[in-house]
Amino acid sequence: MNAWGGAMYDELAPWVGACGADVLCLQEVTHTAALEGWTRFDDPERSLPQRADLLDDVRTLLPRHHALFTANDAGPVRDGDGVSHRQDFGLATFVAETLPLVGTRTAFVHGRYTEYEDAWPAGDRPRAAQAVRVFDRAAGRFVTVVQLHGLRDPDGKGDTPARREQAKRLADLVTTAREDGDLTVVCGDLNLLPGSETFEILAGIGLVDLVRDADTRTSRYAKPLRHAGYLLVSDPSAVRRFGILTEPEVSDHRALLLEV
């Protein structure tokens, strides 16, 4: 789920603490060293409240999980007194300690890590992807989970050369992170339309999209285009349950729930 920087933290926190996820993948996770509470994020299109350190907030809520964080970029935010701080912004994956964590990988699928000194840009920000490989003792198999926050383009969610290259890099990360026989899950806020060529590229490495054209936005998102989050698996027969959660609303994105 895209956690929206923790903008709805009062609703997000109880959900995180009770969701029971073995592997929780969050996008738009913030980390500001030595700062707690709230900050304000601004770019040319938006001004949003964000948690100063959503990474630590969630880590506190999930003390029995391993926490892995990858920063895409960093830039200025302001606290309640107007003081500027440097905030890291990226992905976090939380893995229950009951699952042996046997492998991790990260790779940039668009651009490279960037520091913004004066202001955040509206688009073309770098994007990393994060992979974890765990051993499921109950099933006696390995599961590789890869998450991504896809490139945001102010011109829309249509296919572009940059998104095509992003998909190829993502496919490369998946194939290097997993091993033969792994159940593979790829998920995240991909910022794509359902018919994107990205899904053809990922189908080429054996991944099947479960979301298709479903609505993955909450009432907090006012725009009419409702496509954002996706989840793909390598073996649909392994899926016990898949859901796009409409309640509770804890972000402007709906959470995607997968049981295998």
C-alpha atoms as a PDB file:
ATOM      1  CA  MET A   1       0.000   0.000   0.000  1.00  0.00           C
ATOM      2  CA  ASN A   2       1.057   3.551  -0.684  1.00  0.00           C
ATOM      3  CA  ALA A   3       1.090   4.972   2.844  1.00  0.00           C
ATOM      4  CA  TRP A   4       0.804   8.598   1.620  1.00  0.00           C
ATOM      5  CA  GLY A   5       3.636   9.673   3.881  1.00  0.00           C
ATOM      6  CA  GLY A   6       1.471   8.839   6.891  1.00  0.00           C
ATOM      7  CA  ALA A   7      -0.920  11.739   6.140  1.00  0.00           C
ATOM      8  CA  MET A   8      -3.733   9.677   7.745  1.00  0.00           C
ATOM      9  CA  TYR A   9      -1.579   8.322  10.536  1.00  0.00           C
ATOM     10  CA  ASP A  10      -4.347   8.309  13.155  1.00  0.00           C
ATOM     11  CA  GLU A  11      -6.220   5.803  10.958  1.00  0.00           C
ATOM     12  CA  LEU A  12      -3.127   4.054   9.596  1.00  0.00           C
ATOM     13  CA  ALA A  13      -1.528   3.183  12.938  1.00  0.00           C
ATOM     14  CA  PRO A  14      -4.285   0.925  14.341  1.00  0.00           C
ATOM     15  CA  TRP A  15      -4.647  -0.794  10.970  1.00  0.00           C
ATOM     16  CA  VAL A  16      -0.921  -1.541  10.732  1.00  0.00           C
ATOM     17  CA  GLY A  17      -0.892  -2.891  14.273  1.00  0.00           C
ATOM     18  CA  ALA A  18      -3.815  -5.240  13.624  1.00  0.00           C
ATOM     19  CA  CYS A  19      -3.450  -6.248   9.954  1.00  0.00           C
ATOM     20  CA  GLY A  20      -1.428  -9.382  10.737  1.00  0.00           C
ATOM     21  CA  ALA A  21       0.747  -9.162   7.636  1.00  0.00           C
ATOM     22  CA  ASP A  22       3.731 -11.487   7.427  1.00  0.00           C
ATOM     23  CA  VAL A  23       5.181  -9.221   4.736  1.00  0.00           C
ATOM     24  CA  LEU A  24       4.007  -5.602   4.641  1.00  0.00           C
ATOM     25  CA  CYS A  25       5.081  -3.483   1.659  1.00  0.00           C
ATOM     26  CA  LEU A  26       4.674   0.278   1.980  1.00  0.00           C
ATOM     27  CA  GLN A  27       5.436   3.030  -0.495  1.00  0.00           C
ATOM     28  CA  GLU A  28       5.851   6.759   0.279  1.00  0.00           C
ATOM     29  CA  VAL A  29       7.650   6.099   3.549  1.00  0.00           C
ATOM     30  CA  THR A  30       9.453   8.996   5.218  1.00  0.00           C
ATOM     31  CA  HIS A  31      12.540   9.108   7.409  1.00  0.00           C
ATOM     32  CA  THR A  32      13.901  12.277   9.010  1.00  0.00           C
ATOM     33  CA  ALA A  33      16.835  11.688  11.345  1.00  0.00           C
ATOM     34  CA  ALA A  34      16.267  12.731  14.974  1.00  0.00           C
ATOM     35  CA  LEU A  35      12.791  14.140  14.333  1.00  0.00           C
ATOM     36  CA  GLU A  36       9.363  12.902  15.412  1.00  0.00           C
ATOM     37  CA  GLY A  37       5.797  14.014  14.835  1.00  0.00           C
ATOM     38  CA  TRP A  38       4.625  15.951  11.784  1.00  0.00           C
ATOM     39  CA  THR A  39       6.203  17.792   8.897  1.00  0.00           C
ATOM     40  CA  ARG A  40       4.880  19.563   5.782  1.00  0.00           C
ATOM     41  CA  PHE A  41       5.843  18.429   2.266  1.00  0.00           C
ATOM     42  CA  ASP A  42       5.555  20.809  -0.704  1.00  0.00           C
ATOM     43  CA  ASP A  43       6.179  20.409  -4.416  1.00  0.00           C
ATOM     44  CA  PRO A  44       4.874  22.495  -7.359  1.00  0.00           C
ATOM     45  CA  GLU A  45       1.537  20.584  -7.328  1.00  0.00           C
ATOM     46  CA  ARG A  46       0.842  19.637  -3.720  1.00  0.00           C
ATOM     47  CA  SER A  47       1.187  20.525  -0.070  1.00  0.00           C
ATOM     48  CA  LEU A  48       0.712  17.594   2.300  1.00  0.00           C
ATOM     49  CA  PRO A  49       1.155  16.728   5.974  1.00  0.00           C
ATOM     50  CA  GLN A  50       3.638  13.898   6.456  1.00  0.00           C
ATOM     51  CA  ARG A  51       5.021  12.032   9.385  1.00  0.00           C
ATOM     52  CA  ALA A  52       8.589  13.076  10.105  1.00  0.00           C
ATOM     53  CA  ASP A  53       9.657   9.443  10.467  1.00  0.00           C
ATOM     54  CA  LEU A  54       6.985   7.041   9.253  1.00  0.00           C
ATOM     55  CA  LEU A  55       9.647   4.343   9.073  1.00  0.00           C
ATOM     56  CA  ASP A  56      10.212   4.508  12.824  1.00  0.00           C
ATOM     57  CA  ASP A  57       6.488   4.917  13.510  1.00  0.00           C
ATOM     58  CA  VAL A  58       5.707   1.629  11.764  1.00  0.00           C
ATOM     59  CA  ARG A  59       8.760  -0.091  13.184  1.00  0.00           C
ATOM     60  CA  THR A  60       7.425   0.737  16.651  1.00  0.00           C
ATOM     61  CA  LEU A  61       4.016  -0.695  15.732  1.00  0.00           C
ATOM     62  CA  LEU A  62       5.610  -3.913  14.388  1.00  0.00           C
ATOM     63  CA  PRO A  63       8.398  -4.738  16.874  1.00  0.00           C
ATOM     64  CA  ARG A  64       8.417  -8.413  15.818  1.00  0.00           C
ATOM     65  CA  HIS A  65       9.174  -7.602  12.165  1.00  0.00           C
ATOM     66  CA  HIS A  66      12.433  -6.927  10.372  1.00  0.00           C
ATOM     67  CA  ALA A  67      12.330  -3.461   8.779  1.00  0.00           C
ATOM     68  CA  LEU A  68      14.060  -2.717   5.489  1.00  0.00           C
ATOM     69  CA  PHE A  69      14.113   0.818   4.056  1.00  0.00           C
ATOM     70  CA  THR A  70      15.370   2.101   0.710  1.00  0.00           C
ATOM     71  CA  ALA A  71      15.494   5.833  -0.033  1.00  0.00           C
ATOM     72  CA  ASN A  72      14.633   6.965  -3.550  1.00  0.00           C
ATOM     73  CA  ASP A  73      15.580  10.581  -2.889  1.00  0.00           C
ATOM     74  CA  ALA A  74      15.720  13.254  -0.205  1.00  0.00           C
ATOM     75  CA  GLY A  75      14.639  16.865   0.119  1.00  0.00           C
ATOM     76  CA  PRO A  76      13.367  19.625   2.396  1.00  0.00           C
ATOM     77  CA  VAL A  77      10.331  19.465   4.683  1.00  0.00           C
ATOM     78  CA  ARG A  78       9.282  21.854   7.439  1.00  0.00           C
ATOM     79  CA  ASP A  79       8.202  21.151  10.983  1.00  0.00           C
ATOM     80  CA  GLY A  80       5.413  22.964  12.847  1.00  0.00           C
ATOM     81  CA  ASP A  81       7.740  25.871  13.664  1.00  0.00           C
ATOM     82  CA  GLY A  82       8.714  26.328  10.019  1.00  0.00           C
ATOM     83  CA  VAL A  83      12.194  24.883  10.492  1.00  0.00           C
ATOM     84  CA  SER A  84      13.500  23.013   7.465  1.00  0.00           C
ATOM     85  CA  HIS A  85      14.730  19.417   7.777  1.00  0.00           C
ATOM     86  CA  ARG A  86      16.146  16.945   5.278  1.00  0.00           C
ATOM     87  CA  GLN A  87      13.797  14.004   4.747  1.00  0.00           C
ATOM     88  CA  ASP A  88      14.522  10.662   3.076  1.00  0.00           C
ATOM     89  CA  PHE A  89      11.645   9.296   1.005  1.00  0.00           C
ATOM     90  CA  GLY A  90      11.230   5.749  -0.262  1.00  0.00           C
ATOM     91  CA  LEU A  91      10.086   2.169   0.300  1.00  0.00           C
ATOM     92  CA  ALA A  92       9.844   0.036   3.428  1.00  0.00           C
ATOM     93  CA  THR A  93       9.234  -3.698   3.687  1.00  0.00           C
ATOM     94  CA  PHE A  94       8.461  -5.293   7.049  1.00  0.00           C
ATOM     95  CA  VAL A  95       8.996  -9.057   7.383  1.00  0.00           C
ATOM     96  CA  ALA A  96       7.717 -11.068  10.353  1.00  0.00           C
ATOM     97  CA  GLU A  97      10.552 -12.596  12.346  1.00  0.00           C
ATOM     98  CA  THR A  98       8.782 -15.976  12.108  1.00  0.00           C
ATOM     99  CA  LEU A  99       9.806 -16.078   8.428  1.00  0.00           C
ATOM    100  CA  PRO A 100      13.508 -16.689   7.796  1.00  0.00           C
ATOM    101  CA  LEU A 101      14.707 -13.777   5.682  1.00  0.00           C
ATOM    102  CA  VAL A 102      17.193 -15.400   3.317  1.00  0.00           C
ATOM    103  CA  GLY A 103      17.779 -12.707   0.715  1.00  0.00           C
ATOM    104  CA  THR A 104      17.323  -9.001  -0.001  1.00  0.00           C
ATOM    105  CA  ARG A 105      17.981  -6.873  -3.073  1.00  0.00           C
ATOM    106  CA  THR A 106      17.358  -3.319  -4.163  1.00  0.00           C
ATOM    107  CA  ALA A 107      17.851  -1.649  -7.524  1.00  0.00           C
ATOM    108  CA  PHE A 108      16.926   1.666  -9.075  1.00  0.00           C
ATOM    109  CA  VAL A 109      14.462   1.141 -11.894  1.00  0.00           C
ATOM    110  CA  HIS A 110      14.332   4.814 -12.850  1.00  0.00           C
ATOM    111  CA  GLY A 111      17.101   7.343 -12.375  1.00  0.00           C
ATOM    112  CA  ARG A 112      19.397   7.248  -9.365  1.00  0.00           C
ATOM    113  CA  TYR A 113      19.375   8.512  -5.792  1.00  0.00           C
ATOM    114  CA  THR A 114      19.018  12.306  -5.762  1.00  0.00           C
ATOM    115  CA  GLU A 115      19.209  15.068  -3.129  1.00  0.00           C
ATOM    116  CA  TYR A 116      16.999  18.122  -3.703  1.00  0.00           C
ATOM    117  CA  GLU A 117      18.455  21.145  -1.963  1.00  0.00           C
ATOM    118  CA  ASP A 118      15.706  23.753  -2.316  1.00  0.00           C
ATOM    119  CA  ALA A 119      12.515  22.091  -3.592  1.00  0.00           C
ATOM    120  CA  TRP A 120      11.028  18.762  -4.642  1.00  0.00           C
ATOM    121  CA  PRO A 121      10.100  18.419  -8.347  1.00  0.00           C
ATOM    122  CA  ALA A 122       6.567  17.430  -9.376  1.00  0.00           C
ATOM    123  CA  GLY A 123       7.667  14.503 -11.534  1.00  0.00           C
ATOM    124  CA  ASP A 124      10.548  12.444 -12.914  1.00  0.00           C
ATOM    125  CA  ARG A 125      11.790  11.552  -9.453  1.00  0.00           C
ATOM    126  CA  PRO A 126      14.003   8.461  -9.110  1.00  0.00           C
ATOM    127  CA  ARG A 127      12.464   5.113  -8.232  1.00  0.00           C
ATOM    128  CA  ALA A 128      13.941   2.097  -6.502  1.00  0.00           C
ATOM    129  CA  ALA A 129      12.469  -1.386  -6.147  1.00  0.00           C
ATOM    130  CA  GLN A 130      12.920  -3.627  -3.144  1.00  0.00           C
ATOM    131  CA  ALA A 131      12.994  -7.443  -3.024  1.00  0.00           C
ATOM    132  CA  VAL A 132      12.898  -9.865  -0.092  1.00  0.00           C
ATOM    133  CA  ARG A 133      13.173 -13.650  -0.240  1.00  0.00           C
ATOM    134  CA  VAL A 134      11.729 -15.633   2.682  1.00  0.00           C
ATOM    135  CA  PHE A 135      11.259 -19.275   3.545  1.00  0.00           C
ATOM    136  CA  ASP A 136       7.679 -20.287   4.285  1.00  0.00           C
ATOM    137  CA  ARG A 137       8.104 -23.160   6.756  1.00  0.00           C
ATOM    138  CA  ALA A 138       4.415 -24.083   6.693  1.00  0.00           C
ATOM    139  CA  ALA A 139       4.451 -24.588   2.921  1.00  0.00           C
ATOM    140  CA  GLY A 140       8.058 -25.735   2.702  1.00  0.00           C
ATOM    141  CA  ARG A 141       8.907 -23.272  -0.081  1.00  0.00           C
ATOM    142  CA  PHE A 142      10.580 -19.955  -0.770  1.00  0.00           C
ATOM    143  CA  VAL A 143       8.613 -16.807  -1.573  1.00  0.00           C
ATOM    144  CA  THR A 144      10.138 -13.765  -3.247  1.00  0.00           C
ATOM    145  CA  VAL A 145       8.274 -10.473  -2.796  1.00  0.00           C
ATOM    146  CA  VAL A 146       9.226  -7.412  -4.851  1.00  0.00           C
ATOM    147  CA  GLN A 147       7.684  -3.988  -4.384  1.00  0.00           C
ATOM    148  CA  LEU A 148       7.865  -0.770  -6.372  1.00  0.00           C
ATOM    149  CA  HIS A 149       6.546   2.785  -6.371  1.00  0.00           C
ATOM    150  CA  GLY A 150       6.368   3.452 -10.083  1.00  0.00           C
ATOM    151  CA  LEU A 151       7.424   6.596 -11.855  1.00  0.00           C
ATOM    152  CA  ARG A 152       5.014   9.520 -11.485  1.00  0.00           C
ATOM    153  CA  ASP A 153       4.543  11.605 -14.627  1.00  0.00           C
ATOM    154  CA  PRO A 154       2.509  14.857 -14.377  1.00  0.00           C
ATOM    155  CA  ASP A 155       1.309  14.169 -17.950  1.00  0.00           C
ATOM    156  CA  GLY A 156      -0.514  11.003 -16.868  1.00  0.00           C
ATOM    157  CA  LYS A 157      -0.206   7.243 -16.450  1.00  0.00           C
ATOM    158  CA  GLY A 158       0.201   6.254 -20.110  1.00  0.00           C
ATOM    159  CA  ASP A 159       3.117   4.271 -21.473  1.00  0.00           C
ATOM    160  CA  THR A 160       6.325   6.189 -22.126  1.00  0.00           C
ATOM    161  CA  PRO A 161       9.895   5.171 -22.981  1.00  0.00           C
ATOM    162  CA  ALA A 162      10.836   5.832 -19.339  1.00  0.00           C
ATOM    163  CA  ARG A 163       8.114   3.490 -18.099  1.00  0.00           C
ATOM    164  CA  ARG A 164       9.154   0.839 -20.621  1.00  0.00           C
ATOM    165  CA  GLU A 165      12.722   1.004 -19.323  1.00  0.00           C
ATOM    166  CA  GLN A 166      11.423   0.919 -15.745  1.00  0.00           C
ATOM    167  CA  ALA A 167       9.526  -2.299 -16.509  1.00  0.00           C
ATOM    168  CA  LYS A 168      12.615  -3.909 -18.018  1.00  0.00           C
ATOM    169  CA  ARG A 169      14.728  -3.007 -15.011  1.00  0.00           C
ATOM    170  CA  LEU A 170      12.019  -4.302 -12.680  1.00  0.00           C
ATOM    171  CA  ALA A 171      11.902  -7.599 -14.576  1.00  0.00           C
ATOM    172  CA  ASP A 172      15.682  -7.859 -14.282  1.00  0.00           C
ATOM    173  CA  LEU A 173      15.498  -7.336 -10.513  1.00  0.00           C
ATOM    174  CA  VAL A 174      12.796  -9.992 -10.145  1.00  0.00           C
ATOM    175  CA  THR A 175      14.776 -12.583 -12.102  1.00  0.00           C
ATOM    176  CA  THR A 176      17.957 -11.950 -10.112  1.00  0.00           C
ATOM    177  CA  ALA A 177      16.219 -11.871  -6.700  1.00  0.00           C
ATOM    178  CA  ARG A 178      14.249 -15.109  -7.055  1.00  0.00           C
ATOM    179  CA  GLU A 179      15.437 -18.658  -7.599  1.00  0.00           C
ATOM    180  CA  ASP A 180      13.907 -21.564  -9.490  1.00  0.00           C
ATOM    181  CA  GLY A 181      10.709 -22.754  -7.827  1.00  0.00           C
ATOM    182  CA  ASP A 182      10.056 -19.589  -5.819  1.00  0.00           C
ATOM    183  CA  LEU A 183       6.527 -18.317  -5.552  1.00  0.00           C
ATOM    184  CA  THR A 184       6.950 -14.721  -6.722  1.00  0.00           C
ATOM    185  CA  VAL A 185       4.863 -11.680  -5.826  1.00  0.00           C
ATOM    186  CA  VAL A 186       5.311  -8.222  -7.360  1.00  0.00           C
ATOM    187  CA  CYS A 187       3.274  -5.372  -5.907  1.00  0.00           C
ATOM    188  CA  GLY A 188       3.072  -1.648  -5.426  1.00  0.00           C
ATOM    189  CA  ASP A 189       1.761   1.677  -6.590  1.00  0.00           C
ATOM    190  CA  LEU A 190       2.831   1.300 -10.210  1.00  0.00           C
ATOM    191  CA  ASN A 191       1.210   4.510 -11.494  1.00  0.00           C
ATOM    192  CA  LEU A 192       0.039   2.740 -14.663  1.00  0.00           C
ATOM    193  CA  LEU A 193      -3.103   2.114 -16.689  1.00  0.00           C
ATOM    194  CA  PRO A 194      -4.421  -1.480 -16.731  1.00  0.00           C
ATOM    195  CA  GLY A 195      -3.440  -1.978 -20.384  1.00  0.00           C
ATOM    196  CA  SER A 196       0.166  -0.865 -19.924  1.00  0.00           C
ATOM    197  CA  GLU A 197       2.905  -2.693 -21.796  1.00  0.00           C
ATOM    198  CA  THR A 198       4.541  -3.143 -18.386  1.00  0.00           C
ATOM    199  CA  PHE A 199       2.196  -6.078 -17.790  1.00  0.00           C
ATOM    200  CA  GLU A 200       3.306  -7.670 -21.070  1.00  0.00           C
ATOM    201  CA  ILE A 201       6.936  -7.351 -19.998  1.00  0.00           C
ATOM    202  CA  LEU A 202       6.185  -8.877 -16.591  1.00  0.00           C
ATOM    203  CA  ALA A 203       4.092 -11.627 -18.204  1.00  0.00           C
ATOM    204  CA  GLY A 204       7.253 -12.502 -20.100  1.00  0.00           C
ATOM    205  CA  ILE A 205       8.848 -13.572 -16.801  1.00  0.00           C
ATOM    206  CA  GLY A 206       5.751 -15.498 -15.726  1.00  0.00           C
ATOM    207  CA  LEU A 207       3.800 -12.957 -13.677  1.00  0.00           C
ATOM    208  CA  VAL A 208      -0.003 -12.634 -13.743  1.00  0.00           C
ATOM    209  CA  ASP A 209      -1.783  -9.421 -12.694  1.00  0.00           C
ATOM    210  CA  LEU A 210      -4.641  -9.923 -10.213  1.00  0.00           C
ATOM    211  CA  VAL A 211      -5.936  -6.325 -10.115  1.00  0.00           C
ATOM    212  CA  ARG A 212      -6.605  -5.586 -13.795  1.00  0.00           C
ATOM    213  CA  ASP A 213      -8.993  -2.596 -14.056  1.00  0.00           C
ATOM    214  CA  ALA A 214     -10.241  -2.564 -10.440  1.00  0.00           C
ATOM    215  CA  ASP A 215     -10.507   0.647  -8.422  1.00  0.00           C
ATOM    216  CA  THR A 216      -7.563   0.909  -6.007  1.00  0.00           C
ATOM    217  CA  ARG A 217      -8.226   4.415  -4.682  1.00  0.00           C
ATOM    218  CA  THR A 218     -10.116   5.619  -1.612  1.00  0.00           C
ATOM    219  CA  SER A 219     -12.507   8.541  -1.159  1.00  0.00           C
ATOM    220  CA  ARG A 220      -9.518  10.723  -0.223  1.00  0.00           C
ATOM    221  CA  TYR A 221      -8.483  10.711  -3.899  1.00  0.00           C
ATOM    222  CA  ALA A 222     -10.580  13.190  -5.860  1.00  0.00           C
ATOM    223  CA  LYS A 223      -9.428  12.563  -9.444  1.00  0.00           C
ATOM    224  CA  PRO A 224     -11.588  10.354 -11.710  1.00  0.00           C
ATOM    225  CA  LEU A 225      -8.819   7.963 -12.827  1.00  0.00           C
ATOM    226  CA  ARG A 226      -8.859   5.222 -10.177  1.00  0.00           C
ATOM    227  CA  HIS A 227      -5.958   2.971 -11.236  1.00  0.00           C
ATOM    228  CA  ALA A 228      -2.755   2.921  -9.196  1.00  0.00           C
ATOM    229  CA  GLY A 229      -1.996  -0.235  -7.164  1.00  0.00           C
ATOM    230  CA  TYR A 230      -1.297  -3.632  -8.708  1.00  0.00           C
ATOM    231  CA  LEU A 231      -0.286  -7.081  -7.524  1.00  0.00           C
ATOM    232  CA  LEU A 232       1.099  -9.897  -9.676  1.00  0.00           C
ATOM    233  CA  VAL A 233       1.917 -13.507  -8.848  1.00  0.00           C
ATOM    234  CA  SER A 234       3.842 -16.251 -10.580  1.00  0.00           C
ATOM    235  CA  ASP A 235       1.333 -18.988  -9.664  1.00  0.00           C
ATOM    236  CA  PRO A 236      -2.332 -17.952  -9.418  1.00  0.00           C
ATOM    237  CA  SER A 237      -3.241 -21.439  -8.158  1.00  0.00           C
ATOM    238  CA  ALA A 238      -1.309 -20.656  -4.956  1.00  0.00           C
ATOM    239  CA  VAL A 239      -3.633 -17.752  -4.111  1.00  0.00           C
ATOM    240  CA  ARG A 240      -6.010 -18.499  -1.241  1.00  0.00           C
ATOM    241  CA  ARG A 241      -7.478 -15.011  -1.117  1.00  0.00           C
ATOM    242  CA  PHE A 242      -6.917 -11.705  -2.816  1.00  0.00           C
ATOM    243  CA  GLY A 243      -8.694  -8.521  -1.803  1.00  0.00           C
ATOM    244  CA  ILE A 244      -8.669  -4.802  -2.511  1.00  0.00           C
ATOM    245  CA  LEU A 245      -9.654  -3.383   0.864  1.00  0.00           C
ATOM    246  CA  THR A 246     -12.245  -0.604   0.841  1.00  0.00           C
ATOM    247  CA  GLU A 247     -12.267  -0.290   4.638  1.00  0.00           C
ATOM    248  CA  PRO A 248     -10.778   1.062   6.725  1.00  0.00           C
ATOM    249  CA  GLU A 249      -9.518   4.027   4.740  1.00  0.00           C
ATOM    250  CA  VAL A 250      -5.967   4.721   5.927  1.00  0.00           C
ATOM    251  CA  SER A 251      -4.530   6.462   2.848  1.00  0.00           C
ATOM    252  CA  ASP A 252      -5.626   7.790  -0.525  1.00  0.00           C
ATOM    253  CA  HIS A 253      -4.781   4.269  -1.766  1.00  0.00           C
ATOM    254  CA  ARG A 254      -6.544   1.028  -0.921  1.00  0.00           C
ATOM    255  CA  ALA A 255      -4.471  -1.756   0.584  1.00  0.00           C
ATOM    256  CA  LEU A 256      -4.027  -4.937  -1.465  1.00  0.00           C
ATOM    257  CA  LEU A 257      -4.238  -8.116   0.610  1.00  0.00           C
ATOM    258  CA  LEU A 258      -2.838 -11.449  -0.592  1.00  0.00           C
ATOM    259  CA  GLU A 259      -3.002 -14.797   1.209  1.00  0.00           C
ATOM    260  CA  VAL A 260      -1.089 -17.721  -0.305  1.00  0.00           C
END
